[in-house]
PDB file of N, CA and C in Angstrom:
ATOM      1  N   UNK A   1       9.576  -0.884 -21.358  1.00  0.00           N
ATOM      2  CA  UNK A   1      10.308  -1.028 -20.122  1.00  0.00           C
ATOM      3  C   UNK A   1       9.317  -0.917 -18.960  1.00  0.00           C
ATOM      4  N   UNK A   2       9.456  -1.780 -17.980  1.00  0.00           N
ATOM      5  CA  UNK A   2       8.607  -1.765 -16.795  1.00  0.00           C
ATOM      6  C   UNK A   2       9.461  -1.396 -15.594  1.00  0.00           C
ATOM      7  N   UNK A   3       9.003  -0.399 -14.831  1.00  0.00           N
ATOM      8  CA  UNK A   3       9.741   0.057 -13.655  1.00  0.00           C
ATOM      9  C   UNK A   3       9.624  -0.971 -12.542  1.00  0.00           C
ATOM     10  N   UNK A   4      10.729  -1.261 -11.914  1.00  0.00           N
ATOM     11  CA  UNK A   4      10.755  -2.173 -10.792  1.00  0.00           C
ATOM     12  C   UNK A   4      10.478  -1.411  -9.503  1.00  0.00           C
ATOM     13  N   UNK A   5       9.871  -2.083  -8.533  1.00  0.00           N
ATOM     14  CA  UNK A   5       9.620  -1.460  -7.238  1.00  0.00           C
ATOM     15  C   UNK A   5      10.596  -1.967  -6.199  1.00  0.00           C
ATOM     16  N   UNK A   6      11.694  -2.523  -6.645  1.00  0.00           N
ATOM     17  CA  UNK A   6      12.681  -3.036  -5.709  1.00  0.00           C
ATOM     18  C   UNK A   6      14.053  -2.454  -6.019  1.00  0.00           C
ATOM     19  N   UNK A   7      14.976  -2.672  -5.097  1.00  0.00           N
ATOM     20  CA  UNK A   7      16.345  -2.228  -5.312  1.00  0.00           C
ATOM     21  C   UNK A   7      17.020  -3.152  -6.317  1.00  0.00           C
ATOM     22  N   UNK A   8      18.054  -2.674  -6.927  1.00  0.00           N
ATOM     23  CA  UNK A   8      18.796  -3.469  -7.894  1.00  0.00           C
ATOM     24  C   UNK A   8      19.350  -4.722  -7.217  1.00  0.00           C
ATOM     25  N   UNK A   9      19.163  -5.864  -7.844  1.00  0.00           N
ATOM     26  CA  UNK A   9      19.643  -7.159  -7.366  1.00  0.00           C
ATOM     27  C   UNK A   9      19.013  -7.588  -6.036  1.00  0.00           C
ATOM     28  N   UNK A  10      17.830  -7.086  -5.724  1.00  0.00           N
ATOM     29  CA  UNK A  10      17.127  -7.448  -4.488  1.00  0.00           C
ATOM     30  C   UNK A  10      15.690  -7.862  -4.823  1.00  0.00           C
ATOM     31  N   UNK A  11      15.538  -8.999  -5.473  1.00  0.00           N
ATOM     32  CA  UNK A  11      14.210  -9.432  -5.908  1.00  0.00           C
ATOM     33  C   UNK A  11      13.257  -9.637  -4.726  1.00  0.00           C
ATOM     34  N   UNK A  12      13.779  -9.867  -3.541  1.00  0.00           N
ATOM     35  CA  UNK A  12      12.941 -10.076  -2.362  1.00  0.00           C
ATOM     36  C   UNK A  12      12.144  -8.818  -2.009  1.00  0.00           C
ATOM     37  N   UNK A  13      12.622  -7.635  -2.408  1.00  0.00           N
ATOM     38  CA  UNK A  13      11.914  -6.379  -2.144  1.00  0.00           C
ATOM     39  C   UNK A  13      10.558  -6.329  -2.834  1.00  0.00           C
ATOM     40  N   UNK A  14      10.412  -7.056  -3.926  1.00  0.00           N
ATOM     41  CA  UNK A  14       9.190  -6.972  -4.714  1.00  0.00           C
ATOM     42  C   UNK A  14       7.988  -7.621  -4.011  1.00  0.00           C
ATOM     43  N   UNK A  15       8.209  -8.554  -3.125  1.00  0.00           N
ATOM     44  CA  UNK A  15       7.132  -9.264  -2.444  1.00  0.00           C
ATOM     45  C   UNK A  15       6.148  -8.365  -1.720  1.00  0.00           C
ATOM     46  N   UNK A  16       6.613  -7.447  -0.861  1.00  0.00           N
ATOM     47  CA  UNK A  16       5.669  -6.572  -0.174  1.00  0.00           C
ATOM     48  C   UNK A  16       4.837  -5.709  -1.126  1.00  0.00           C
ATOM     49  N   UNK A  17       5.427  -5.232  -2.202  1.00  0.00           N
ATOM     50  CA  UNK A  17       4.666  -4.426  -3.162  1.00  0.00           C
ATOM     51  C   UNK A  17       3.641  -5.280  -3.897  1.00  0.00           C
ATOM     52  N   UNK A  18       4.007  -6.500  -4.251  1.00  0.00           N
ATOM     53  CA  UNK A  18       3.044  -7.400  -4.890  1.00  0.00           C
ATOM     54  C   UNK A  18       1.872  -7.655  -3.944  1.00  0.00           C
ATOM     55  N   UNK A  19       2.162  -7.842  -2.656  1.00  0.00           N
ATOM     56  CA  UNK A  19       1.102  -8.035  -1.675  1.00  0.00           C
ATOM     57  C   UNK A  19       0.204  -6.822  -1.547  1.00  0.00           C
ATOM     58  N   UNK A  20       0.794  -5.629  -1.572  1.00  0.00           N
ATOM     59  CA  UNK A  20      -0.003  -4.400  -1.484  1.00  0.00           C
ATOM     60  C   UNK A  20      -0.929  -4.275  -2.681  1.00  0.00           C
ATOM     61  N   UNK A  21      -0.407  -4.503  -3.895  1.00  0.00           N
ATOM     62  CA  UNK A  21      -1.248  -4.372  -5.084  1.00  0.00           C
ATOM     63  C   UNK A  21      -2.344  -5.438  -5.107  1.00  0.00           C
ATOM     64  N   UNK A  22      -2.073  -6.631  -4.602  1.00  0.00           N
ATOM     65  CA  UNK A  22      -3.110  -7.656  -4.506  1.00  0.00           C
ATOM     66  C   UNK A  22      -4.203  -7.208  -3.541  1.00  0.00           C
ATOM     67  N   UNK A  23      -3.804  -6.595  -2.440  1.00  0.00           N
ATOM     68  CA  UNK A  23      -4.753  -6.108  -1.443  1.00  0.00           C
ATOM     69  C   UNK A  23      -5.631  -4.994  -2.000  1.00  0.00           C
ATOM     70  N   UNK A  24      -5.029  -4.024  -2.654  1.00  0.00           N
ATOM     71  CA  UNK A  24      -5.811  -2.907  -3.193  1.00  0.00           C
ATOM     72  C   UNK A  24      -6.775  -3.396  -4.282  1.00  0.00           C
ATOM     73  N   UNK A  25      -6.330  -4.355  -5.097  1.00  0.00           N
ATOM     74  CA  UNK A  25      -7.230  -4.893  -6.119  1.00  0.00           C
ATOM     75  C   UNK A  25      -8.390  -5.637  -5.475  1.00  0.00           C
ATOM     76  N   UNK A  26      -8.113  -6.429  -4.452  1.00  0.00           N
ATOM     77  CA  UNK A  26      -9.168  -7.191  -3.790  1.00  0.00           C
ATOM     78  C   UNK A  26     -10.161  -6.280  -3.073  1.00  0.00           C
ATOM     79  N   UNK A  27      -9.659  -5.253  -2.388  1.00  0.00           N
ATOM     80  CA  UNK A  27     -10.539  -4.400  -1.587  1.00  0.00           C
ATOM     81  C   UNK A  27     -11.223  -3.291  -2.378  1.00  0.00           C
ATOM     82  N   UNK A  28     -10.590  -2.799  -3.446  1.00  0.00           N
ATOM     83  CA  UNK A  28     -11.136  -1.612  -4.107  1.00  0.00           C
ATOM     84  C   UNK A  28     -11.329  -1.709  -5.615  1.00  0.00           C
ATOM     85  N   UNK A  29     -10.719  -2.683  -6.282  1.00  0.00           N
ATOM     86  CA  UNK A  29     -10.755  -2.693  -7.738  1.00  0.00           C
ATOM     87  C   UNK A  29     -11.745  -3.704  -8.319  1.00  0.00           C
ATOM     88  N   UNK A  30     -11.649  -4.947  -7.853  1.00  0.00           N
ATOM     89  CA  UNK A  30     -12.526  -5.984  -8.395  1.00  0.00           C
ATOM     90  C   UNK A  30     -13.987  -5.664  -8.095  1.00  0.00           C
ATOM     91  N   UNK A  31     -14.865  -6.056  -8.982  1.00  0.00           N
ATOM     92  CA  UNK A  31     -16.315  -5.826  -8.897  1.00  0.00           C
ATOM     93  C   UNK A  31     -16.686  -4.361  -9.060  1.00  0.00           C
ATOM     94  N   UNK A  32     -15.783  -3.534  -9.575  1.00  0.00           N
ATOM     95  CA  UNK A  32     -16.088  -2.129  -9.836  1.00  0.00           C
ATOM     96  C   UNK A  32     -15.777  -1.812 -11.277  1.00  0.00           C
ATOM     97  N   UNK A  33     -16.430  -0.788 -11.778  1.00  0.00           N
ATOM     98  CA  UNK A  33     -16.158  -0.346 -13.138  1.00  0.00           C
ATOM     99  C   UNK A  33     -15.763   1.127 -13.073  1.00  0.00           C
ATOM    100  N   UNK A  34     -14.577   1.437 -13.533  1.00  0.00           N
ATOM    101  CA  UNK A  34     -14.095   2.811 -13.539  1.00  0.00           C
ATOM    102  C   UNK A  34     -14.351   3.401 -14.918  1.00  0.00           C
ATOM    103  N   UNK A  35     -14.977   4.552 -14.931  1.00  0.00           N
ATOM    104  CA  UNK A  35     -15.364   5.166 -16.201  1.00  0.00           C
ATOM    105  C   UNK A  35     -14.297   6.103 -16.746  1.00  0.00           C
ATOM    106  N   UNK A  36     -13.305   6.412 -15.937  1.00  0.00           N
ATOM    107  CA  UNK A  36     -12.235   7.287 -16.412  1.00  0.00           C
ATOM    108  C   UNK A  36     -10.932   6.954 -15.697  1.00  0.00           C
ATOM    109  N   UNK A  37      -9.863   7.342 -16.326  1.00  0.00           N
ATOM    110  CA  UNK A  37      -8.535   7.131 -15.730  1.00  0.00           C
ATOM    111  C   UNK A  37      -8.404   7.939 -14.441  1.00  0.00           C
ATOM    112  N   UNK A  38      -8.950   9.151 -14.434  1.00  0.00           N
ATOM    113  CA  UNK A  38      -8.832  10.005 -13.248  1.00  0.00           C
ATOM    114  C   UNK A  38      -9.569   9.413 -12.046  1.00  0.00           C
ATOM    115  N   UNK A  39     -10.700   8.737 -12.268  1.00  0.00           N
ATOM    116  CA  UNK A  39     -11.404   8.130 -11.131  1.00  0.00           C
ATOM    117  C   UNK A  39     -10.603   6.955 -10.568  1.00  0.00           C
ATOM    118  N   UNK A  40      -9.921   6.220 -11.430  1.00  0.00           N
ATOM    119  CA  UNK A  40      -9.058   5.129 -10.966  1.00  0.00           C
ATOM    120  C   UNK A  40      -7.868   5.674 -10.176  1.00  0.00           C
ATOM    121  N   UNK A  41      -7.232   6.707 -10.689  1.00  0.00           N
ATOM    122  CA  UNK A  41      -6.102   7.329  -9.993  1.00  0.00           C
ATOM    123  C   UNK A  41      -6.547   7.894  -8.654  1.00  0.00           C
ATOM    124  N   UNK A  42      -7.713   8.521  -8.621  1.00  0.00           N
ATOM    125  CA  UNK A  42      -8.254   9.081  -7.380  1.00  0.00           C
ATOM    126  C   UNK A  42      -8.514   7.973  -6.352  1.00  0.00           C
ATOM    127  N   UNK A  43      -9.061   6.825  -6.801  1.00  0.00           N
ATOM    128  CA  UNK A  43      -9.299   5.703  -5.894  1.00  0.00           C
ATOM    129  C   UNK A  43      -7.983   5.203  -5.314  1.00  0.00           C
ATOM    130  N   UNK A  44      -6.950   5.059  -6.154  1.00  0.00           N
ATOM    131  CA  UNK A  44      -5.649   4.588  -5.670  1.00  0.00           C
ATOM    132  C   UNK A  44      -5.063   5.569  -4.664  1.00  0.00           C
ATOM    133  N   UNK A  45      -5.130   6.852  -4.965  1.00  0.00           N
ATOM    134  CA  UNK A  45      -4.609   7.879  -4.049  1.00  0.00           C
ATOM    135  C   UNK A  45      -5.339   7.817  -2.700  1.00  0.00           C
ATOM    136  N   UNK A  46      -6.665   7.754  -2.737  1.00  0.00           N
ATOM    137  CA  UNK A  46      -7.453   7.697  -1.497  1.00  0.00           C
ATOM    138  C   UNK A  46      -7.162   6.430  -0.705  1.00  0.00           C
ATOM    139  N   UNK A  47      -6.992   5.304  -1.400  1.00  0.00           N
ATOM    140  CA  UNK A  47      -6.707   4.055  -0.701  1.00  0.00           C
ATOM    141  C   UNK A  47      -5.327   4.095  -0.045  1.00  0.00           C
ATOM    142  N   UNK A  48      -4.360   4.660  -0.725  1.00  0.00           N
ATOM    143  CA  UNK A  48      -3.018   4.747  -0.144  1.00  0.00           C
ATOM    144  C   UNK A  48      -3.026   5.625   1.108  1.00  0.00           C
ATOM    145  N   UNK A  49      -3.786   6.690   1.084  1.00  0.00           N
ATOM    146  CA  UNK A  49      -3.904   7.548   2.274  1.00  0.00           C
ATOM    147  C   UNK A  49      -4.573   6.768   3.401  1.00  0.00           C
ATOM    148  N   UNK A  50      -5.639   6.041   3.078  1.00  0.00           N
ATOM    149  CA  UNK A  50      -6.331   5.219   4.068  1.00  0.00           C
ATOM    150  C   UNK A  50      -5.408   4.126   4.620  1.00  0.00           C
ATOM    151  N   UNK A  51      -4.715   3.418   3.735  1.00  0.00           N
ATOM    152  CA  UNK A  51      -3.843   2.317   4.124  1.00  0.00           C
ATOM    153  C   UNK A  51      -2.736   2.801   5.068  1.00  0.00           C
ATOM    154  N   UNK A  52      -2.137   3.927   4.771  1.00  0.00           N
ATOM    155  CA  UNK A  52      -1.014   4.413   5.570  1.00  0.00           C
ATOM    156  C   UNK A  52      -1.421   5.086   6.877  1.00  0.00           C
ATOM    157  N   UNK A  53      -2.598   5.722   6.901  1.00  0.00           N
ATOM    158  CA  UNK A  53      -2.948   6.560   8.051  1.00  0.00           C
ATOM    159  C   UNK A  53      -4.142   6.098   8.874  1.00  0.00           C
ATOM    160  N   UNK A  54      -4.960   5.180   8.350  1.00  0.00           N
ATOM    161  CA  UNK A  54      -6.151   4.796   9.110  1.00  0.00           C
ATOM    162  C   UNK A  54      -6.369   3.290   9.236  1.00  0.00           C
ATOM    163  N   UNK A  55      -5.747   2.493   8.419  1.00  0.00           N
ATOM    164  CA  UNK A  55      -5.971   1.043   8.421  1.00  0.00           C
ATOM    165  C   UNK A  55      -4.999   0.377   9.391  1.00  0.00           C
ATOM    166  N   UNK A  56      -5.526  -0.066  10.537  1.00  0.00           N
ATOM    167  CA  UNK A  56      -4.662  -0.709  11.525  1.00  0.00           C
ATOM    168  C   UNK A  56      -4.309  -2.120  11.053  1.00  0.00           C
ATOM    169  N   UNK A  57      -3.139  -2.593  11.468  1.00  0.00           N
ATOM    170  CA  UNK A  57      -2.659  -3.898  11.041  1.00  0.00           C
ATOM    171  C   UNK A  57      -2.141  -4.682  12.234  1.00  0.00           C
ATOM    172  N   UNK A  58      -2.565  -5.911  12.323  1.00  0.00           N
ATOM    173  CA  UNK A  58      -2.181  -6.765  13.438  1.00  0.00           C
ATOM    174  C   UNK A  58      -0.670  -6.966  13.491  1.00  0.00           C
ATOM    175  N   UNK A  59      -0.035  -7.164  12.337  1.00  0.00           N
ATOM    176  CA  UNK A  59       1.412  -7.416  12.331  1.00  0.00           C
ATOM    177  C   UNK A  59       2.220  -6.191  12.757  1.00  0.00           C
ATOM    178  N   UNK A  60       1.574  -5.021  12.805  1.00  0.00           N
ATOM    179  CA  UNK A  60       2.240  -3.794  13.276  1.00  0.00           C
ATOM    180  C   UNK A  60       1.772  -3.439  14.682  1.00  0.00           C
ATOM    181  N   UNK A  61       1.378  -4.441  15.444  1.00  0.00           N
ATOM    182  CA  UNK A  61       0.954  -4.276  16.846  1.00  0.00           C
ATOM    183  C   UNK A  61      -0.256  -3.356  16.951  1.00  0.00           C
ATOM    184  N   UNK A  62      -1.228  -3.569  16.106  1.00  0.00           N
ATOM    185  CA  UNK A  62      -2.496  -2.831  16.080  1.00  0.00           C
ATOM    186  C   UNK A  62      -2.246  -1.328  15.896  1.00  0.00           C
ATOM    187  N   UNK A  63      -1.363  -1.006  14.980  1.00  0.00           N
ATOM    188  CA  UNK A  63      -1.086   0.380  14.610  1.00  0.00           C
ATOM    189  C   UNK A  63      -1.207   0.518  13.107  1.00  0.00           C
ATOM    190  N   UNK A  64      -1.360   1.748  12.651  1.00  0.00           N
ATOM    191  CA  UNK A  64      -1.294   2.014  11.220  1.00  0.00           C
ATOM    192  C   UNK A  64       0.178   2.024  10.810  1.00  0.00           C
ATOM    193  N   UNK A  65       0.474   1.893   9.533  1.00  0.00           N
ATOM    194  CA  UNK A  65       1.880   1.954   9.117  1.00  0.00           C
ATOM    195  C   UNK A  65       2.581   3.253   9.553  1.00  0.00           C
ATOM    196  N   UNK A  66       1.907   4.377   9.487  1.00  0.00           N
ATOM    197  CA  UNK A  66       2.543   5.632   9.894  1.00  0.00           C
ATOM    198  C   UNK A  66       2.747   5.697  11.404  1.00  0.00           C
ATOM    199  N   UNK A  67       1.789   5.197  12.183  1.00  0.00           N
ATOM    200  CA  UNK A  67       1.973   5.149  13.633  1.00  0.00           C
ATOM    201  C   UNK A  67       3.159   4.258  13.990  1.00  0.00           C
ATOM    202  N   UNK A  68       3.263   3.114  13.330  1.00  0.00           N
ATOM    203  CA  UNK A  68       4.373   2.203  13.580  1.00  0.00           C
ATOM    204  C   UNK A  68       5.698   2.855  13.194  1.00  0.00           C
ATOM    205  N   UNK A  69       5.723   3.535  12.072  1.00  0.00           N
ATOM    206  CA  UNK A  69       6.921   4.243  11.609  1.00  0.00           C
ATOM    207  C   UNK A  69       7.346   5.296  12.627  1.00  0.00           C
ATOM    208  N   UNK A  70       6.391   6.111  13.077  1.00  0.00           N
ATOM    209  CA  UNK A  70       6.695   7.159  14.053  1.00  0.00           C
ATOM    210  C   UNK A  70       7.169   6.552  15.380  1.00  0.00           C
ATOM    211  N   UNK A  71       6.510   5.490  15.822  1.00  0.00           N
ATOM    212  CA  UNK A  71       6.884   4.824  17.063  1.00  0.00           C
ATOM    213  C   UNK A  71       8.297   4.238  16.966  1.00  0.00           C
ATOM    214  N   UNK A  72       8.620   3.658  15.826  1.00  0.00           N
ATOM    215  CA  UNK A  72       9.932   3.078  15.603  1.00  0.00           C
ATOM    216  C   UNK A  72      11.035   4.142  15.734  1.00  0.00           C
ATOM    217  N   UNK A  73      10.802   5.312  15.147  1.00  0.00           N
ATOM    218  CA  UNK A  73      11.833   6.356  15.197  1.00  0.00           C
ATOM    219  C   UNK A  73      11.875   7.063  16.556  1.00  0.00           C
ATOM    220  N   UNK A  74      10.804   7.046  17.321  1.00  0.00           N
ATOM    221  CA  UNK A  74      10.838   7.588  18.680  1.00  0.00           C
ATOM    222  C   UNK A  74      11.719   6.701  19.559  1.00  0.00           C
ATOM    223  N   UNK A  75      11.641   5.392  19.352  1.00  0.00           N
ATOM    224  CA  UNK A  75      12.418   4.449  20.163  1.00  0.00           C
ATOM    225  C   UNK A  75      13.900   4.461  19.804  1.00  0.00           C
ATOM    226  N   UNK A  76      14.214   4.851  18.589  1.00  0.00           N
ATOM    227  CA  UNK A  76      15.608   4.810  18.142  1.00  0.00           C
ATOM    228  C   UNK A  76      16.448   5.939  18.663  1.00  0.00           C
TER     229      UNK A  76
END
């Protein structure tokens, strides 16, 4: 069984996650050799922290995802 990253009957939800995994593979996985499972898990954890808190994105008005999230809820 493979866990889905989308809501039930909402296949469109899977697109953003597929894009994220493509990005992490392109930026951090390809051209590297991981010698242990823990080093791979550590890389994924560190990248997710970087992606959410330090990587600015043009589509989010030059903010990180967390800055955009916080700004969105301040306006609401």
